[in-house]
Each structure stands twice: as structure tokens, then as C-alpha cells.
Amino acid sequence: MGGNKSQVLLVPFQGWGVNAIDLIPVKVFECHFTVKYMDSRLSSKSYGPTGASKYLKAHCTGDIEAPRKYPGLAAFSLAGHSAAGHLVTEAE
């Protein structure tokens, strides 16, 4: 995947209706890393539960960690845009 490039999961700030690719100038990032994109709950093409109780920090960091369960994605770095920088530091 991506030759010798390290994999990075790019996490946008938590905002409903936004798309990571539209908000972040990623072309420079893609020159150095194999970038995987994550849409947060209820943004872009992502869905999510109803009710504010399902949008606590623990839920959001759990969403960030979930891709590590899939083959080929176990080893990736995290990069957070804006307030998502705080979330990625909380993820395991």
C-alpha cells in the first residue's frame, strides 16, 4: 500500500456535514504519506446515532481507533485537523 510511505489516518474536526477532503489541503500530505481519510459521525458520507449522548469524546476516539481492526490498517499514524488534534492524542 503506497510503496514505502507510512500510512496516516487523517481525522477532521468534529463537525456535522463537513468532508475531510474538502477542508484540508492534502496534496502535500499525500506526497509523503499514504493517507486514509475519516469522516466523523454524521459528516459527509458517514452516518451516526441520534442523540447527543452518543457524541462524547470516548465515542469519537473509539471511532478513530476502529479502523485498526481491519487487515492492512493496523499500523498507521494519526493526524488531526483543528480540534481533532485533541481527539487523536486521546486515541490509543
C-alpha atoms as a PDB file:
ATOM      1  CA  MET A   1       0.000   0.000   0.000  1.00  0.00           C
ATOM      2  CA  GLY A   2       1.662   3.178  -1.170  1.00  0.00           C
ATOM      3  CA  GLY A   3       5.160   1.693  -1.555  1.00  0.00           C
ATOM      4  CA  ASN A   4       7.423   2.771   1.288  1.00  0.00           C
ATOM      5  CA  LYS A   5       5.138   5.511   2.503  1.00  0.00           C
ATOM      6  CA  SER A   6       3.823   5.356   6.044  1.00  0.00           C
ATOM      7  CA  GLN A   7       0.051   5.231   6.450  1.00  0.00           C
ATOM      8  CA  VAL A   8      -1.719   8.123   8.128  1.00  0.00           C
ATOM      9  CA  LEU A   9      -5.370   8.319   9.131  1.00  0.00           C
ATOM     10  CA  LEU A  10      -6.459  11.927   8.669  1.00  0.00           C
ATOM     11  CA  VAL A  11      -9.209  12.901  11.088  1.00  0.00           C
ATOM     12  CA  PRO A  12     -11.202  16.106  10.536  1.00  0.00           C
ATOM     13  CA  PHE A  13     -12.520  18.234  13.347  1.00  0.00           C
ATOM     14  CA  GLN A  14     -15.866  17.114  14.666  1.00  0.00           C
ATOM     15  CA  GLY A  15     -18.411  18.980  12.628  1.00  0.00           C
ATOM     16  CA  TRP A  16     -21.557  17.702  11.069  1.00  0.00           C
ATOM     17  CA  GLY A  17     -21.860  17.953   7.309  1.00  0.00           C
ATOM     18  CA  VAL A  18     -18.163  18.588   6.587  1.00  0.00           C
ATOM     19  CA  ASN A  19     -15.898  16.458   4.426  1.00  0.00           C
ATOM     20  CA  ALA A  20     -12.228  15.983   5.320  1.00  0.00           C
ATOM     21  CA  ILE A  21     -11.084  16.143   1.725  1.00  0.00           C
ATOM     22  CA  ASP A  22     -12.845  19.485   1.146  1.00  0.00           C
ATOM     23  CA  LEU A  23     -11.402  21.121   4.249  1.00  0.00           C
ATOM     24  CA  ILE A  24      -7.791  20.066   4.309  1.00  0.00           C
ATOM     25  CA  PRO A  25      -5.154  20.795   1.635  1.00  0.00           C
ATOM     26  CA  VAL A  26      -3.949  17.198   1.492  1.00  0.00           C
ATOM     27  CA  LYS A  27      -1.940  17.066  -1.738  1.00  0.00           C
ATOM     28  CA  VAL A  28       1.300  17.971   0.060  1.00  0.00           C
ATOM     29  CA  PHE A  29       0.495  15.441   2.765  1.00  0.00           C
ATOM     30  CA  GLU A  30      -0.115  12.753   0.126  1.00  0.00           C
ATOM     31  CA  CYS A  31       3.383  13.286  -1.310  1.00  0.00           C
ATOM     32  CA  HIS A  32       4.872  11.936   1.910  1.00  0.00           C
ATOM     33  CA  PHE A  33       2.262   9.521   3.273  1.00  0.00           C
ATOM     34  CA  THR A  34      -0.398   7.062   2.176  1.00  0.00           C
ATOM     35  CA  VAL A  35      -3.369   8.989   3.513  1.00  0.00           C
ATOM     36  CA  LYS A  36      -6.586   7.360   4.665  1.00  0.00           C
ATOM     37  CA  TYR A  37      -9.494   9.700   5.255  1.00  0.00           C
ATOM     38  CA  MET A  38     -12.063   9.544   8.000  1.00  0.00           C
ATOM     39  CA  ASP A  39     -15.360  11.354   8.102  1.00  0.00           C
ATOM     40  CA  SER A  40     -16.581  11.923  11.625  1.00  0.00           C
ATOM     41  CA  ARG A  41     -20.055  10.888  12.736  1.00  0.00           C
ATOM     42  CA  LEU A  42     -22.785  12.473  10.606  1.00  0.00           C
ATOM     43  CA  SER A  43     -20.337  14.197   8.258  1.00  0.00           C
ATOM     44  CA  SER A  44     -20.065  13.806   4.527  1.00  0.00           C
ATOM     45  CA  LYS A  45     -20.932  10.175   3.714  1.00  0.00           C
ATOM     46  CA  SER A  46     -20.787   8.989   7.301  1.00  0.00           C
ATOM     47  CA  TYR A  47     -23.793   8.181   9.437  1.00  0.00           C
ATOM     48  CA  GLY A  48     -24.233   8.211  13.169  1.00  0.00           C
ATOM     49  CA  PRO A  49     -26.648   7.656  16.007  1.00  0.00           C
ATOM     50  CA  THR A  50     -29.192  10.190  17.099  1.00  0.00           C
ATOM     51  CA  GLY A  51     -28.901  11.878  20.441  1.00  0.00           C
ATOM     52  CA  ALA A  52     -26.110  13.947  21.952  1.00  0.00           C
ATOM     53  CA  SER A  53     -25.234  11.182  24.426  1.00  0.00           C
ATOM     54  CA  LYS A  54     -23.616   9.227  21.560  1.00  0.00           C
ATOM     55  CA  TYR A  55     -21.144  12.009  20.737  1.00  0.00           C
ATOM     56  CA  LEU A  56     -18.967  12.049  23.814  1.00  0.00           C
ATOM     57  CA  LYS A  57     -15.178  12.153  23.500  1.00  0.00           C
ATOM     58  CA  ALA A  58     -14.985   8.418  24.251  1.00  0.00           C
ATOM     59  CA  HIS A  59     -17.254   7.661  21.282  1.00  0.00           C
ATOM     60  CA  CYS A  60     -15.240   9.871  18.934  1.00  0.00           C
ATOM     61  CA  THR A  61     -11.883   8.421  19.978  1.00  0.00           C
ATOM     62  CA  GLY A  62     -13.365   4.929  19.642  1.00  0.00           C
ATOM     63  CA  ASP A  63     -14.325   5.768  16.061  1.00  0.00           C
ATOM     64  CA  ILE A  64     -10.730   6.817  15.396  1.00  0.00           C
ATOM     65  CA  GLU A  65      -9.391   3.527  16.761  1.00  0.00           C
ATOM     66  CA  ALA A  66     -11.923   1.279  14.988  1.00  0.00           C
ATOM     67  CA  PRO A  67     -10.016   1.060  11.644  1.00  0.00           C
ATOM     68  CA  ARG A  68      -7.089  -0.657  13.399  1.00  0.00           C
ATOM     69  CA  LYS A  69      -9.261  -3.805  13.475  1.00  0.00           C
ATOM     70  CA  TYR A  70      -9.160  -4.115   9.673  1.00  0.00           C
ATOM     71  CA  PRO A  71      -6.360  -6.007   7.887  1.00  0.00           C
ATOM     72  CA  GLY A  72      -3.802  -3.692   6.342  1.00  0.00           C
ATOM     73  CA  LEU A  73      -4.713  -0.777   8.579  1.00  0.00           C
ATOM     74  CA  ALA A  74      -3.333  -1.993  11.887  1.00  0.00           C
ATOM     75  CA  ALA A  75      -0.219   0.178  11.637  1.00  0.00           C
ATOM     76  CA  PHE A  76      -0.992   3.790  10.909  1.00  0.00           C
ATOM     77  CA  SER A  77      -0.231   7.151  12.398  1.00  0.00           C
ATOM     78  CA  LEU A  78      -2.911   9.645  13.283  1.00  0.00           C
ATOM     79  CA  ALA A  79      -3.189  13.257  12.184  1.00  0.00           C
ATOM     80  CA  GLY A  80      -5.974  15.505  13.382  1.00  0.00           C
ATOM     81  CA  HIS A  81      -7.242  18.694  11.792  1.00  0.00           C
ATOM     82  CA  SER A  82      -8.159  21.566  14.102  1.00  0.00           C
ATOM     83  CA  ALA A  83      -9.913  20.305  17.250  1.00  0.00           C
ATOM     84  CA  ALA A  84      -9.439  16.713  16.060  1.00  0.00           C
ATOM     85  CA  GLY A  85      -5.796  17.124  17.056  1.00  0.00           C
ATOM     86  CA  HIS A  86      -7.019  16.836  20.642  1.00  0.00           C
ATOM     87  CA  LEU A  87      -9.028  13.708  19.816  1.00  0.00           C
ATOM     88  CA  VAL A  88      -6.136  11.888  18.145  1.00  0.00           C
ATOM     89  CA  THR A  89      -3.948  12.493  21.203  1.00  0.00           C
ATOM     90  CA  GLU A  90      -6.632  10.782  23.281  1.00  0.00           C
ATOM     91  CA  ALA A  91      -6.882   7.758  20.961  1.00  0.00           C
ATOM     92  CA  GLU A  92      -4.850   4.731  21.927  1.00  0.00           C
END
